[in-house]
Amino acid sequence: MNYLWGFMIVIGIIYAAFNGTLPEVTEAAVSSAKEAVTLCITMMGVMSFWVGMMRIAENAGIIEGATKKLMPVLRFLFPEIPVKHPANKHIATNMIANMFGLGWAATPAGLKAMEELANLEEERTGRKNTGIATKEMCIFLIINISSLQLIPVNVIAYRSQYGSVDAASVIGPGLIATTISTLGAIVFCKLINKKSV
């Protein structure tokens, strides 16, 4: 990926040099850098707030309660993960963060879930982690990527940053699109599981 981006940047600079638009490229690079810093500061505030809220929810026992409420969904999606296994909590936390469009807050929980799923595989087989994704890991990744979002907080923050008149207007279309993608992911996972049995 680095080579691809590097190649595109070099081609863009060469093209601008031949067309005499090199000053415009320099100006665009400087203004884009300024805009990127402003966006990062805005998103850092949003991210800090929601990651903090997730931490408060975890310490207050809300995540644990939500995990219990999500247990029927988790049992349906991951029938081979034991009910009391710690992976369930991290998967639930990841799903909750994704539902609120908090991809950055979902990432640490997703990494912990993958770690716990690797531990579970090690317990089952008695072999050290081979680096090969298990069935549960693949299902979790597919569900995570499809990412049902009730409130896309990050997208709303981006739209607000760029001066959108109605930043929250993406909630309805986003909910429809992510519901379809999540249902598609679930159907895909179930079909693949049936074939592998």
N, C-alpha and C. Protein backbone atom coordinates (compact mmCIF):
# COMPACT_ATOMS: atom_id res chain seq x y z
N MET A 1 0.83 -1.19 0.00
CA MET A 1 0.00 0.00 0.00
C MET A 1 0.88 1.26 0.00
N ASN A 2 1.97 1.21 0.78
CA ASN A 2 2.89 2.36 0.81
C ASN A 2 3.45 2.65 -0.58
N TYR A 3 3.81 1.57 -1.29
CA TYR A 3 4.35 1.75 -2.65
C TYR A 3 3.31 2.39 -3.57
N LEU A 4 2.05 1.95 -3.41
CA LEU A 4 0.98 2.48 -4.26
C LEU A 4 0.80 3.98 -4.01
N TRP A 5 0.72 4.37 -2.74
CA TRP A 5 0.56 5.80 -2.41
C TRP A 5 1.77 6.59 -2.88
N GLY A 6 2.96 6.05 -2.63
CA GLY A 6 4.18 6.73 -3.07
C GLY A 6 4.20 6.93 -4.58
N PHE A 7 3.81 5.88 -5.30
CA PHE A 7 3.76 5.93 -6.77
C PHE A 7 2.78 7.01 -7.24
N MET A 8 1.60 7.07 -6.62
CA MET A 8 0.60 8.07 -7.02
C MET A 8 1.08 9.49 -6.75
N ILE A 9 1.76 9.69 -5.61
CA ILE A 9 2.29 11.02 -5.29
C ILE A 9 3.34 11.44 -6.31
N VAL A 10 4.27 10.54 -6.61
CA VAL A 10 5.33 10.85 -7.58
C VAL A 10 4.74 11.15 -8.96
N ILE A 11 3.79 10.34 -9.40
CA ILE A 11 3.15 10.56 -10.71
C ILE A 11 2.44 11.91 -10.73
N GLY A 12 1.76 12.25 -9.63
CA GLY A 12 1.06 13.54 -9.54
C GLY A 12 2.02 14.71 -9.64
N ILE A 13 3.17 14.61 -8.96
CA ILE A 13 4.17 15.69 -8.99
C ILE A 13 4.77 15.82 -10.39
N ILE A 14 5.09 14.68 -11.01
CA ILE A 14 5.65 14.71 -12.38
C ILE A 14 4.64 15.31 -13.35
N TYR A 15 3.39 14.90 -13.24
CA TYR A 15 2.33 15.42 -14.12
C TYR A 15 2.18 16.93 -13.93
N ALA A 16 2.21 17.39 -12.66
CA ALA A 16 2.09 18.82 -12.37
C ALA A 16 3.28 19.60 -12.93
N ALA A 17 4.47 19.00 -12.84
CA ALA A 17 5.68 19.67 -13.36
C ALA A 17 5.58 19.85 -14.88
N PHE A 18 5.07 18.84 -15.59
CA PHE A 18 4.95 18.94 -17.04
C PHE A 18 3.84 19.90 -17.46
N ASN A 19 2.82 20.05 -16.64
CA ASN A 19 1.70 20.94 -16.96
C ASN A 19 1.87 22.35 -16.41
N GLY A 20 2.94 22.58 -15.65
CA GLY A 20 3.19 23.91 -15.10
C GLY A 20 2.29 24.25 -13.92
N THR A 21 1.77 23.23 -13.25
CA THR A 21 0.87 23.47 -12.10
C THR A 21 1.51 23.07 -10.78
N LEU A 22 2.84 23.07 -10.73
CA LEU A 22 3.55 22.68 -9.51
C LEU A 22 3.24 23.60 -8.32
N PRO A 23 3.12 24.95 -8.54
CA PRO A 23 2.76 25.81 -7.41
C PRO A 23 1.39 25.45 -6.79
N GLU A 24 0.44 25.06 -7.64
CA GLU A 24 -0.88 24.67 -7.13
C GLU A 24 -0.79 23.39 -6.29
N VAL A 25 0.09 22.46 -6.71
CA VAL A 25 0.29 21.22 -5.95
C VAL A 25 0.87 21.54 -4.57
N THR A 26 1.86 22.45 -4.54
CA THR A 26 2.47 22.85 -3.27
C THR A 26 1.43 23.50 -2.37
N GLU A 27 0.63 24.40 -2.95
CA GLU A 27 -0.40 25.09 -2.17
C GLU A 27 -1.44 24.09 -1.64
N ALA A 28 -1.82 23.13 -2.46
CA ALA A 28 -2.79 22.11 -2.04
C ALA A 28 -2.22 21.25 -0.92
N ALA A 29 -0.93 20.91 -1.01
CA ALA A 29 -0.29 20.10 0.03
C ALA A 29 -0.28 20.83 1.37
N VAL A 30 0.06 22.14 1.33
CA VAL A 30 0.11 22.93 2.57
C VAL A 30 -1.29 23.09 3.16
N SER A 31 -2.28 23.43 2.32
CA SER A 31 -3.64 23.63 2.84
C SER A 31 -4.24 22.31 3.32
N SER A 32 -3.91 21.20 2.65
CA SER A 32 -4.41 19.89 3.09
C SER A 32 -3.81 19.49 4.43
N ALA A 33 -2.53 19.81 4.62
CA ALA A 33 -1.88 19.51 5.90
C ALA A 33 -2.55 20.28 7.03
N LYS A 34 -2.84 21.57 6.78
CA LYS A 34 -3.52 22.41 7.78
C LYS A 34 -4.91 21.84 8.10
N GLU A 35 -5.62 21.46 7.05
CA GLU A 35 -6.97 20.89 7.21
C GLU A 35 -6.91 19.56 7.97
N ALA A 36 -5.89 18.76 7.70
CA ALA A 36 -5.73 17.47 8.38
C ALA A 36 -5.51 17.66 9.87
N VAL A 37 -4.70 18.65 10.24
CA VAL A 37 -4.45 18.92 11.66
C VAL A 37 -5.73 19.37 12.35
N THR A 38 -6.49 20.26 11.69
CA THR A 38 -7.76 20.74 12.26
C THR A 38 -8.72 19.57 12.44
N LEU A 39 -8.80 18.71 11.42
CA LEU A 39 -9.70 17.56 11.50
C LEU A 39 -9.26 16.61 12.63
N CYS A 40 -7.97 16.39 12.75
CA CYS A 40 -7.45 15.50 13.81
C CYS A 40 -7.81 16.03 15.19
N ILE A 41 -7.69 17.34 15.38
CA ILE A 41 -8.03 17.93 16.69
C ILE A 41 -9.52 17.75 16.98
N THR A 42 -10.35 18.00 15.96
CA THR A 42 -11.81 17.81 16.13
C THR A 42 -12.12 16.36 16.47
N MET A 43 -11.54 15.43 15.68
CA MET A 43 -11.84 14.01 15.88
C MET A 43 -11.26 13.51 17.20
N MET A 44 -10.14 14.10 17.64
CA MET A 44 -9.56 13.68 18.92
C MET A 44 -10.52 14.00 20.06
N GLY A 45 -11.17 15.16 19.96
CA GLY A 45 -12.16 15.53 20.98
C GLY A 45 -13.34 14.57 20.99
N VAL A 46 -13.86 14.29 19.80
CA VAL A 46 -15.00 13.36 19.69
C VAL A 46 -14.61 11.98 20.18
N MET A 47 -13.44 11.51 19.73
CA MET A 47 -12.97 10.18 20.11
C MET A 47 -12.73 10.09 21.61
N SER A 48 -12.08 11.11 22.18
CA SER A 48 -11.80 11.10 23.62
C SER A 48 -13.09 11.03 24.42
N PHE A 49 -14.07 11.82 23.99
CA PHE A 49 -15.35 11.83 24.70
C PHE A 49 -15.99 10.45 24.69
N TRP A 50 -16.09 9.83 23.49
CA TRP A 50 -16.79 8.55 23.40
C TRP A 50 -16.01 7.38 23.96
N VAL A 51 -14.68 7.42 23.83
CA VAL A 51 -13.87 6.37 24.45
C VAL A 51 -14.01 6.47 25.97
N GLY A 52 -14.03 7.72 26.48
CA GLY A 52 -14.25 7.93 27.92
C GLY A 52 -15.61 7.43 28.36
N MET A 53 -16.64 7.69 27.54
CA MET A 53 -17.99 7.21 27.85
C MET A 53 -18.03 5.68 27.88
N MET A 54 -17.33 5.06 26.93
CA MET A 54 -17.27 3.59 26.92
C MET A 54 -16.57 3.07 28.18
N ARG A 55 -15.52 3.76 28.61
CA ARG A 55 -14.79 3.35 29.82
C ARG A 55 -15.68 3.51 31.06
N ILE A 56 -16.43 4.60 31.12
CA ILE A 56 -17.36 4.82 32.24
C ILE A 56 -18.43 3.73 32.23
N ALA A 57 -18.96 3.44 31.03
CA ALA A 57 -19.98 2.39 30.91
C ALA A 57 -19.43 1.04 31.36
N GLU A 58 -18.17 0.78 31.04
CA GLU A 58 -17.55 -0.48 31.45
C GLU A 58 -17.40 -0.54 32.97
N ASN A 59 -16.89 0.55 33.55
CA ASN A 59 -16.69 0.58 35.01
C ASN A 59 -18.00 0.58 35.79
N ALA A 60 -19.06 1.13 35.17
CA ALA A 60 -20.36 1.18 35.83
C ALA A 60 -21.14 -0.12 35.69
N GLY A 61 -20.60 -1.07 34.93
CA GLY A 61 -21.27 -2.35 34.74
C GLY A 61 -22.27 -2.37 33.60
N ILE A 62 -22.34 -1.25 32.87
CA ILE A 62 -23.29 -1.17 31.75
C ILE A 62 -22.89 -2.13 30.64
N ILE A 63 -21.58 -2.22 30.36
CA ILE A 63 -21.10 -3.13 29.31
C ILE A 63 -21.41 -4.58 29.68
N GLU A 64 -21.21 -4.90 30.96
CA GLU A 64 -21.51 -6.27 31.41
C GLU A 64 -23.00 -6.58 31.24
N GLY A 65 -23.85 -5.60 31.60
CA GLY A 65 -25.29 -5.77 31.42
C GLY A 65 -25.66 -5.91 29.95
N ALA A 66 -25.02 -5.07 29.11
CA ALA A 66 -25.29 -5.13 27.67
C ALA A 66 -24.82 -6.45 27.09
N THR A 67 -23.71 -6.98 27.63
CA THR A 67 -23.21 -8.28 27.16
C THR A 67 -24.25 -9.36 27.44
N LYS A 68 -24.86 -9.30 28.63
CA LYS A 68 -25.91 -10.28 28.96
C LYS A 68 -27.10 -10.14 28.03
N LYS A 69 -27.45 -8.88 27.70
CA LYS A 69 -28.58 -8.65 26.79
C LYS A 69 -28.25 -9.13 25.37
N LEU A 70 -26.97 -8.99 24.99
CA LEU A 70 -26.54 -9.41 23.66
C LEU A 70 -26.24 -10.90 23.57
N MET A 71 -26.29 -11.60 24.71
CA MET A 71 -25.90 -13.02 24.73
C MET A 71 -26.68 -13.87 23.73
N PRO A 72 -28.01 -13.69 23.55
CA PRO A 72 -28.70 -14.49 22.52
C PRO A 72 -28.12 -14.26 21.12
N VAL A 73 -27.76 -13.00 20.83
CA VAL A 73 -27.16 -12.69 19.52
C VAL A 73 -25.79 -13.34 19.42
N LEU A 74 -25.00 -13.23 20.49
CA LEU A 74 -23.66 -13.84 20.50
C LEU A 74 -23.74 -15.36 20.39
N ARG A 75 -24.71 -15.97 21.06
CA ARG A 75 -24.88 -17.44 20.97
C ARG A 75 -25.24 -17.84 19.55
N PHE A 76 -26.08 -17.00 18.89
CA PHE A 76 -26.49 -17.29 17.51
C PHE A 76 -25.30 -17.17 16.56
N LEU A 77 -24.51 -16.11 16.74
CA LEU A 77 -23.37 -15.87 15.85
C LEU A 77 -22.17 -16.76 16.15
N PHE A 78 -21.94 -16.99 17.46
CA PHE A 78 -20.75 -17.74 17.89
C PHE A 78 -21.15 -18.89 18.81
N PRO A 79 -21.82 -19.90 18.27
CA PRO A 79 -22.31 -20.99 19.14
C PRO A 79 -21.21 -21.81 19.80
N GLU A 80 -19.99 -21.75 19.26
CA GLU A 80 -18.91 -22.59 19.81
C GLU A 80 -18.09 -21.89 20.89
N ILE A 81 -18.38 -20.61 21.15
CA ILE A 81 -17.68 -19.90 22.24
C ILE A 81 -18.45 -20.17 23.53
N PRO A 82 -17.77 -20.68 24.56
CA PRO A 82 -18.45 -20.94 25.84
C PRO A 82 -19.08 -19.66 26.40
N VAL A 83 -20.22 -19.81 27.07
CA VAL A 83 -21.00 -18.66 27.56
C VAL A 83 -20.17 -17.76 28.48
N LYS A 84 -19.39 -18.34 29.35
CA LYS A 84 -18.63 -17.56 30.33
C LYS A 84 -17.26 -17.10 29.82
N HIS A 85 -16.94 -17.37 28.57
CA HIS A 85 -15.62 -17.02 28.06
C HIS A 85 -15.46 -15.50 27.93
N PRO A 86 -14.28 -14.94 28.30
CA PRO A 86 -14.06 -13.49 28.22
C PRO A 86 -14.20 -12.90 26.82
N ALA A 87 -14.06 -13.72 25.80
CA ALA A 87 -14.19 -13.22 24.42
C ALA A 87 -15.57 -12.59 24.20
N ASN A 88 -16.60 -13.15 24.85
CA ASN A 88 -17.96 -12.62 24.69
C ASN A 88 -18.04 -11.15 25.09
N LYS A 89 -17.41 -10.80 26.21
CA LYS A 89 -17.45 -9.41 26.69
C LYS A 89 -16.80 -8.47 25.69
N HIS A 90 -15.64 -8.88 25.16
CA HIS A 90 -14.92 -8.01 24.23
C HIS A 90 -15.65 -7.90 22.89
N ILE A 91 -16.25 -9.00 22.45
CA ILE A 91 -17.04 -8.97 21.21
C ILE A 91 -18.24 -8.04 21.39
N ALA A 92 -18.92 -8.15 22.54
CA ALA A 92 -20.08 -7.30 22.82
C ALA A 92 -19.67 -5.83 22.88
N THR A 93 -18.56 -5.54 23.54
CA THR A 93 -18.07 -4.16 23.63
C THR A 93 -17.78 -3.61 22.25
N ASN A 94 -17.14 -4.41 21.41
CA ASN A 94 -16.84 -4.01 20.04
C ASN A 94 -18.12 -3.72 19.26
N MET A 95 -19.11 -4.60 19.40
CA MET A 95 -20.37 -4.41 18.68
C MET A 95 -21.09 -3.14 19.14
N ILE A 96 -21.10 -2.91 20.45
CA ILE A 96 -21.77 -1.72 20.99
C ILE A 96 -21.10 -0.45 20.46
N ALA A 97 -19.76 -0.43 20.52
CA ALA A 97 -19.02 0.75 20.01
C ALA A 97 -19.31 0.95 18.53
N ASN A 98 -19.34 -0.13 17.75
CA ASN A 98 -19.63 -0.01 16.32
C ASN A 98 -21.05 0.48 16.07
N MET A 99 -22.00 0.05 16.90
CA MET A 99 -23.38 0.50 16.73
C MET A 99 -23.50 2.01 16.87
N PHE A 100 -22.62 2.60 17.68
CA PHE A 100 -22.61 4.05 17.84
C PHE A 100 -21.61 4.72 16.90
N GLY A 101 -21.11 3.97 15.94
CA GLY A 101 -20.20 4.53 14.94
C GLY A 101 -18.85 4.92 15.50
N LEU A 102 -18.45 4.29 16.58
CA LEU A 102 -17.19 4.64 17.25
C LEU A 102 -16.11 3.62 16.89
N GLY A 103 -15.70 3.64 15.64
CA GLY A 103 -14.70 2.67 15.18
C GLY A 103 -13.44 2.68 16.02
N TRP A 104 -13.00 3.88 16.42
CA TRP A 104 -11.77 3.98 17.21
C TRP A 104 -11.96 3.38 18.59
N ALA A 105 -13.13 3.55 19.17
CA ALA A 105 -13.39 2.96 20.49
C ALA A 105 -13.60 1.46 20.37
N ALA A 106 -14.03 1.01 19.20
CA ALA A 106 -14.28 -0.42 18.99
C ALA A 106 -12.98 -1.21 18.78
N THR A 107 -11.95 -0.54 18.27
CA THR A 107 -10.71 -1.23 17.92
C THR A 107 -10.04 -1.94 19.09
N PRO A 108 -9.83 -1.28 20.25
CA PRO A 108 -9.19 -2.00 21.37
C PRO A 108 -9.96 -3.24 21.79
N ALA A 109 -11.30 -3.13 21.84
CA ALA A 109 -12.12 -4.29 22.22
C ALA A 109 -12.01 -5.38 21.17
N GLY A 110 -11.95 -4.99 19.90
CA GLY A 110 -11.81 -5.97 18.82
C GLY A 110 -10.49 -6.71 18.90
N LEU A 111 -9.41 -5.99 19.22
CA LEU A 111 -8.11 -6.64 19.37
C LEU A 111 -8.09 -7.60 20.56
N LYS A 112 -8.73 -7.18 21.66
CA LYS A 112 -8.81 -8.06 22.84
C LYS A 112 -9.66 -9.30 22.52
N ALA A 113 -10.73 -9.10 21.76
CA ALA A 113 -11.58 -10.24 21.37
C ALA A 113 -10.78 -11.24 20.55
N MET A 114 -10.00 -10.75 19.60
CA MET A 114 -9.16 -11.64 18.78
C MET A 114 -8.14 -12.38 19.64
N GLU A 115 -7.58 -11.68 20.61
CA GLU A 115 -6.62 -12.30 21.52
C GLU A 115 -7.28 -13.42 22.32
N GLU A 116 -8.48 -13.15 22.83
CA GLU A 116 -9.21 -14.16 23.61
C GLU A 116 -9.63 -15.34 22.74
N LEU A 117 -10.00 -15.06 21.49
CA LEU A 117 -10.36 -16.15 20.57
C LEU A 117 -9.15 -17.02 20.25
N ALA A 118 -7.97 -16.39 20.17
CA ALA A 118 -6.73 -17.17 19.96
C ALA A 118 -6.45 -18.03 21.18
N ASN A 119 -6.68 -17.46 22.38
CA ASN A 119 -6.50 -18.23 23.63
C ASN A 119 -7.46 -19.41 23.69
N LEU A 120 -8.70 -19.17 23.24
CA LEU A 120 -9.71 -20.23 23.24
C LEU A 120 -9.28 -21.38 22.33
N GLU A 121 -8.75 -21.04 21.17
CA GLU A 121 -8.28 -22.06 20.22
C GLU A 121 -7.12 -22.84 20.81
N GLU A 122 -6.26 -22.12 21.53
CA GLU A 122 -5.11 -22.77 22.17
C GLU A 122 -5.59 -23.74 23.26
N GLU A 123 -6.63 -23.33 24.02
CA GLU A 123 -7.20 -24.21 25.05
C GLU A 123 -7.81 -25.46 24.42
N ARG A 124 -8.49 -25.29 23.29
CA ARG A 124 -9.15 -26.41 22.63
C ARG A 124 -8.16 -27.41 22.06
N THR A 125 -7.15 -26.89 21.37
CA THR A 125 -6.25 -27.78 20.63
C THR A 125 -4.99 -28.14 21.41
N GLY A 126 -4.63 -27.30 22.38
CA GLY A 126 -3.40 -27.53 23.13
C GLY A 126 -2.15 -27.09 22.38
N ARG A 127 -2.36 -26.49 21.19
CA ARG A 127 -1.22 -25.99 20.39
C ARG A 127 -1.09 -24.49 20.58
N LYS A 128 0.15 -24.02 20.51
CA LYS A 128 0.41 -22.59 20.54
C LYS A 128 -0.24 -21.95 19.33
N ASN A 129 -0.54 -20.65 19.44
CA ASN A 129 -1.18 -19.92 18.35
C ASN A 129 -0.37 -20.07 17.07
N THR A 130 -1.01 -20.60 16.03
CA THR A 130 -0.33 -20.84 14.76
C THR A 130 -0.36 -19.62 13.85
N GLY A 131 -1.12 -18.60 14.22
CA GLY A 131 -1.25 -17.42 13.36
C GLY A 131 -2.31 -17.58 12.29
N ILE A 132 -3.03 -18.70 12.33
CA ILE A 132 -4.11 -18.94 11.36
C ILE A 132 -5.43 -18.58 12.03
N ALA A 133 -6.24 -17.79 11.33
CA ALA A 133 -7.53 -17.35 11.88
C ALA A 133 -8.47 -18.54 12.04
N THR A 134 -9.15 -18.57 13.19
CA THR A 134 -10.14 -19.62 13.44
C THR A 134 -11.47 -19.22 12.82
N LYS A 135 -12.43 -20.15 12.84
CA LYS A 135 -13.75 -19.87 12.30
C LYS A 135 -14.40 -18.70 13.04
N GLU A 136 -14.28 -18.70 14.38
CA GLU A 136 -14.87 -17.61 15.18
C GLU A 136 -14.23 -16.27 14.86
N MET A 137 -12.90 -16.28 14.65
CA MET A 137 -12.20 -15.04 14.29
C MET A 137 -12.71 -14.49 12.97
N CYS A 138 -12.89 -15.38 12.00
CA CYS A 138 -13.38 -14.95 10.68
C CYS A 138 -14.79 -14.38 10.77
N ILE A 139 -15.65 -15.06 11.53
CA ILE A 139 -17.02 -14.57 11.70
C ILE A 139 -17.01 -13.21 12.37
N PHE A 140 -16.21 -13.08 13.43
CA PHE A 140 -16.13 -11.80 14.15
C PHE A 140 -15.64 -10.69 13.23
N LEU A 141 -14.64 -10.98 12.42
CA LEU A 141 -14.11 -9.98 11.52
C LEU A 141 -15.15 -9.55 10.48
N ILE A 142 -15.87 -10.51 9.94
CA ILE A 142 -16.90 -10.20 8.93
C ILE A 142 -18.02 -9.36 9.55
N ILE A 143 -18.48 -9.74 10.75
CA ILE A 143 -19.53 -8.97 11.43
C ILE A 143 -19.02 -7.58 11.78
N ASN A 144 -17.77 -7.50 12.22
CA ASN A 144 -17.16 -6.22 12.58
C ASN A 144 -17.07 -5.29 11.38
N ILE A 145 -16.68 -5.84 10.23
CA ILE A 145 -16.54 -5.02 9.02
C ILE A 145 -17.91 -4.54 8.53
N SER A 146 -18.93 -5.40 8.64
CA SER A 146 -20.27 -5.00 8.17
C SER A 146 -20.84 -3.90 9.06
N SER A 147 -20.53 -3.93 10.35
CA SER A 147 -20.72 -2.84 11.30
C SER A 147 -22.08 -2.14 11.28
N LEU A 148 -23.07 -2.75 11.90
CA LEU A 148 -24.37 -2.10 12.08
C LEU A 148 -24.16 -0.82 12.88
N GLN A 149 -24.66 0.31 12.35
CA GLN A 149 -24.49 1.59 13.04
C GLN A 149 -25.83 2.27 13.25
N LEU A 150 -26.17 2.49 14.52
CA LEU A 150 -27.39 3.22 14.85
C LEU A 150 -27.15 4.72 14.73
N ILE A 151 -26.01 5.18 15.24
CA ILE A 151 -25.64 6.60 15.17
C ILE A 151 -24.19 6.68 14.71
N PRO A 152 -23.95 7.06 13.46
CA PRO A 152 -22.56 7.15 12.97
C PRO A 152 -21.87 8.42 13.47
N VAL A 153 -21.42 8.39 14.72
CA VAL A 153 -20.85 9.57 15.37
C VAL A 153 -19.68 10.14 14.59
N ASN A 154 -18.77 9.29 14.13
CA ASN A 154 -17.60 9.78 13.40
C ASN A 154 -17.99 10.50 12.11
N VAL A 155 -18.93 9.93 11.37
CA VAL A 155 -19.36 10.54 10.11
C VAL A 155 -20.03 11.88 10.39
N ILE A 156 -20.86 11.93 11.43
CA ILE A 156 -21.52 13.19 11.80
C ILE A 156 -20.47 14.24 12.16
N ALA A 157 -19.43 13.82 12.89
CA ALA A 157 -18.36 14.76 13.26
C ALA A 157 -17.62 15.26 12.02
N TYR A 158 -17.34 14.36 11.06
CA TYR A 158 -16.67 14.78 9.82
C TYR A 158 -17.53 15.79 9.08
N ARG A 159 -18.81 15.47 8.94
CA ARG A 159 -19.73 16.35 8.21
C ARG A 159 -19.84 17.71 8.89
N SER A 160 -19.89 17.69 10.20
CA SER A 160 -19.96 18.93 10.96
C SER A 160 -18.69 19.76 10.75
N GLN A 161 -17.54 19.10 10.77
CA GLN A 161 -16.24 19.76 10.57
C GLN A 161 -16.19 20.46 9.22
N TYR A 162 -16.78 19.84 8.20
CA TYR A 162 -16.72 20.41 6.86
C TYR A 162 -17.93 21.29 6.53
N GLY A 163 -18.66 21.72 7.56
CA GLY A 163 -19.70 22.72 7.39
C GLY A 163 -21.03 22.22 6.85
N SER A 164 -21.37 20.97 7.10
CA SER A 164 -22.65 20.44 6.64
C SER A 164 -23.80 21.16 7.35
N VAL A 165 -24.84 21.50 6.59
CA VAL A 165 -26.01 22.17 7.17
C VAL A 165 -26.76 21.24 8.10
N ASP A 166 -26.87 19.97 7.71
CA ASP A 166 -27.56 18.97 8.53
C ASP A 166 -26.67 17.74 8.66
N ALA A 167 -25.71 17.83 9.58
CA ALA A 167 -24.70 16.77 9.72
C ALA A 167 -25.32 15.43 10.09
N ALA A 168 -26.44 15.46 10.81
CA ALA A 168 -27.05 14.21 11.29
C ALA A 168 -27.98 13.56 10.27
N SER A 169 -28.10 14.14 9.08
CA SER A 169 -29.02 13.58 8.07
C SER A 169 -28.56 12.22 7.54
N VAL A 170 -27.35 11.81 7.87
CA VAL A 170 -26.84 10.52 7.41
C VAL A 170 -27.33 9.36 8.28
N ILE A 171 -27.98 9.66 9.39
CA ILE A 171 -28.38 8.59 10.32
C ILE A 171 -29.31 7.58 9.64
N GLY A 172 -30.37 8.04 8.99
CA GLY A 172 -31.32 7.14 8.33
C GLY A 172 -30.69 6.29 7.24
N PRO A 173 -30.06 6.93 6.23
CA PRO A 173 -29.41 6.14 5.18
C PRO A 173 -28.32 5.21 5.71
N GLY A 174 -27.57 5.70 6.71
CA GLY A 174 -26.52 4.87 7.31
C GLY A 174 -27.08 3.65 7.99
N LEU A 175 -28.19 3.82 8.70
CA LEU A 175 -28.84 2.70 9.39
C LEU A 175 -29.33 1.67 8.39
N ILE A 176 -29.95 2.13 7.31
CA ILE A 176 -30.45 1.21 6.28
C ILE A 176 -29.28 0.43 5.64
N ALA A 177 -28.23 1.18 5.24
CA ALA A 177 -27.08 0.54 4.57
C ALA A 177 -26.38 -0.45 5.48
N THR A 178 -26.15 -0.08 6.75
CA THR A 178 -25.42 -0.98 7.65
C THR A 178 -26.28 -2.15 8.11
N THR A 179 -27.60 -1.96 8.16
CA THR A 179 -28.49 -3.09 8.48
C THR A 179 -28.41 -4.13 7.37
N ILE A 180 -28.46 -3.66 6.13
CA ILE A 180 -28.37 -4.58 4.98
C ILE A 180 -27.01 -5.27 4.97
N SER A 181 -25.93 -4.51 5.20
CA SER A 181 -24.59 -5.12 5.17
C SER A 181 -24.42 -6.13 6.30
N THR A 182 -24.96 -5.83 7.47
CA THR A 182 -24.84 -6.76 8.60
C THR A 182 -25.66 -8.02 8.37
N LEU A 183 -26.88 -7.86 7.86
CA LEU A 183 -27.70 -9.04 7.55
C LEU A 183 -27.02 -9.90 6.48
N GLY A 184 -26.45 -9.25 5.47
CA GLY A 184 -25.70 -9.97 4.44
C GLY A 184 -24.53 -10.74 5.03
N ALA A 185 -23.82 -10.10 5.97
CA ALA A 185 -22.67 -10.75 6.63
C ALA A 185 -23.12 -11.96 7.43
N ILE A 186 -24.24 -11.82 8.16
CA ILE A 186 -24.74 -12.93 8.98
C ILE A 186 -25.15 -14.11 8.10
N VAL A 187 -25.88 -13.81 7.02
CA VAL A 187 -26.31 -14.87 6.09
C VAL A 187 -25.08 -15.56 5.49
N PHE A 188 -24.07 -14.76 5.09
CA PHE A 188 -22.85 -15.32 4.51
C PHE A 188 -22.16 -16.24 5.52
N CYS A 189 -22.02 -15.79 6.76
CA CYS A 189 -21.34 -16.59 7.79
C CYS A 189 -22.08 -17.90 8.04
N LYS A 190 -23.40 -17.83 8.11
CA LYS A 190 -24.19 -19.05 8.37
C LYS A 190 -24.08 -20.02 7.22
N LEU A 191 -24.10 -19.52 5.98
CA LEU A 191 -23.99 -20.40 4.82
C LEU A 191 -22.62 -21.07 4.77
N ILE A 192 -21.57 -20.30 5.05
CA ILE A 192 -20.21 -20.85 5.05
C ILE A 192 -20.07 -21.91 6.15
N ASN A 193 -20.66 -21.62 7.33
CA ASN A 193 -20.60 -22.59 8.44
C ASN A 193 -21.29 -23.89 8.07
N LYS A 194 -22.43 -23.81 7.38
CA LYS A 194 -23.15 -25.02 6.98
C LYS A 194 -22.33 -25.83 5.99
N LYS A 195 -21.64 -25.14 5.08
CA LYS A 195 -20.81 -25.85 4.10
C LYS A 195 -19.62 -26.54 4.72
N SER A 196 -19.06 -25.89 5.78
CA SER A 196 -17.87 -26.47 6.40
C SER A 196 -18.19 -27.60 7.36
N VAL A 197 -19.46 -27.77 7.71
CA VAL A 197 -19.84 -28.86 8.64
C VAL A 197 -19.87 -30.18 7.89
